[in-house]
Amino acid sequence: MNSALKKKNADVPVMAKIEKPQAIANLEAIVAECDGIMVAREDLGGINDMESG
């Protein structure tokens, strides 16, 4: 998204909200295209068995 906006000379911050396991699988690509990330822990908590560490 950010790269498409830059091609149009648009200076608009892009935020991503991580809600689904598919987003975790593609996290590096999402981070590369965004200015900020929000994580919906309550949405992911019931889906993923994440280890705390």
C-alpha atoms as a PDB file:
ATOM      1  CA  MET A   1       0.000   0.000   0.000  1.00  0.00           C
ATOM      2  CA  ASN A   2       2.731   2.460   0.956  1.00  0.00           C
ATOM      3  CA  SER A   3       4.634   1.850  -2.276  1.00  0.00           C
ATOM      4  CA  ALA A   4       1.488   2.528  -4.344  1.00  0.00           C
ATOM      5  CA  LEU A   5       0.866   5.778  -2.460  1.00  0.00           C
ATOM      6  CA  LYS A   6       4.465   6.905  -2.925  1.00  0.00           C
ATOM      7  CA  LYS A   7       4.148   6.382  -6.690  1.00  0.00           C
ATOM      8  CA  LYS A   8       1.249   8.869  -6.594  1.00  0.00           C
ATOM      9  CA  ASN A   9       3.272  11.280  -4.400  1.00  0.00           C
ATOM     10  CA  ALA A  10       0.698  10.865  -1.628  1.00  0.00           C
ATOM     11  CA  ASP A  11       2.021  11.379   1.896  1.00  0.00           C
ATOM     12  CA  VAL A  12      -0.567   9.391   3.835  1.00  0.00           C
ATOM     13  CA  PRO A  13       0.373   7.172   6.792  1.00  0.00           C
ATOM     14  CA  VAL A  14      -0.735   3.554   6.421  1.00  0.00           C
ATOM     15  CA  MET A  15      -1.714   1.526   9.490  1.00  0.00           C
ATOM     16  CA  ALA A  16      -2.335  -2.221   9.507  1.00  0.00           C
ATOM     17  CA  LYS A  17      -4.505  -4.046  12.013  1.00  0.00           C
ATOM     18  CA  ILE A  18      -3.468  -7.663  12.510  1.00  0.00           C
ATOM     19  CA  GLU A  19      -6.575  -9.720  13.253  1.00  0.00           C
ATOM     20  CA  LYS A  20      -6.187 -13.081  11.528  1.00  0.00           C
ATOM     21  CA  PRO A  21      -3.610 -15.892  11.527  1.00  0.00           C
ATOM     22  CA  GLN A  22      -3.007 -15.287   7.819  1.00  0.00           C
ATOM     23  CA  ALA A  23      -1.699 -11.827   8.708  1.00  0.00           C
ATOM     24  CA  ILE A  24       0.819 -13.354  11.134  1.00  0.00           C
ATOM     25  CA  ALA A  25       2.019 -15.626   8.337  1.00  0.00           C
ATOM     26  CA  ASN A  26       2.582 -12.534   6.130  1.00  0.00           C
ATOM     27  CA  LEU A  27       3.807 -10.209   8.868  1.00  0.00           C
ATOM     28  CA  GLU A  28       7.142  -9.263   7.265  1.00  0.00           C
ATOM     29  CA  ALA A  29       5.462  -8.142   4.027  1.00  0.00           C
ATOM     30  CA  ILE A  30       2.804  -6.213   5.954  1.00  0.00           C
ATOM     31  CA  VAL A  31       5.401  -4.427   8.111  1.00  0.00           C
ATOM     32  CA  ALA A  32       7.384  -3.482   5.000  1.00  0.00           C
ATOM     33  CA  GLU A  33       4.352  -1.723   3.505  1.00  0.00           C
ATOM     34  CA  CYS A  34       3.029   0.069   6.599  1.00  0.00           C
ATOM     35  CA  ASP A  35       3.944   2.972   8.833  1.00  0.00           C
ATOM     36  CA  GLY A  36       2.428   1.363  11.920  1.00  0.00           C
ATOM     37  CA  ILE A  37       0.888  -1.875  13.159  1.00  0.00           C
ATOM     38  CA  MET A  38      -1.956  -2.588  15.575  1.00  0.00           C
ATOM     39  CA  VAL A  39      -2.532  -6.094  16.907  1.00  0.00           C
ATOM     40  CA  ALA A  40      -6.020  -7.248  17.860  1.00  0.00           C
ATOM     41  CA  ARG A  41      -4.919  -9.584  20.617  1.00  0.00           C
ATOM     42  CA  GLU A  42      -8.467 -10.531  21.578  1.00  0.00           C
ATOM     43  CA  ASP A  43      -9.180 -11.649  18.001  1.00  0.00           C
ATOM     44  CA  LEU A  44      -5.976 -13.665  17.724  1.00  0.00           C
ATOM     45  CA  GLY A  45      -6.090 -15.060  21.254  1.00  0.00           C
ATOM     46  CA  GLY A  46      -8.956 -17.426  20.549  1.00  0.00           C
ATOM     47  CA  ILE A  47      -7.459 -18.603  17.269  1.00  0.00           C
ATOM     48  CA  ASN A  48      -3.754 -19.035  17.929  1.00  0.00           C
ATOM     49  CA  ASP A  49      -2.087 -20.840  20.781  1.00  0.00           C
ATOM     50  CA  MET A  50       0.717 -18.308  21.193  1.00  0.00           C
ATOM     51  CA  GLU A  51       3.485 -18.899  23.666  1.00  0.00           C
ATOM     52  CA  SER A  52       4.391 -16.123  26.033  1.00  0.00           C
ATOM     53  CA  GLY A  53       7.994 -15.688  26.532  1.00  0.00           C
END
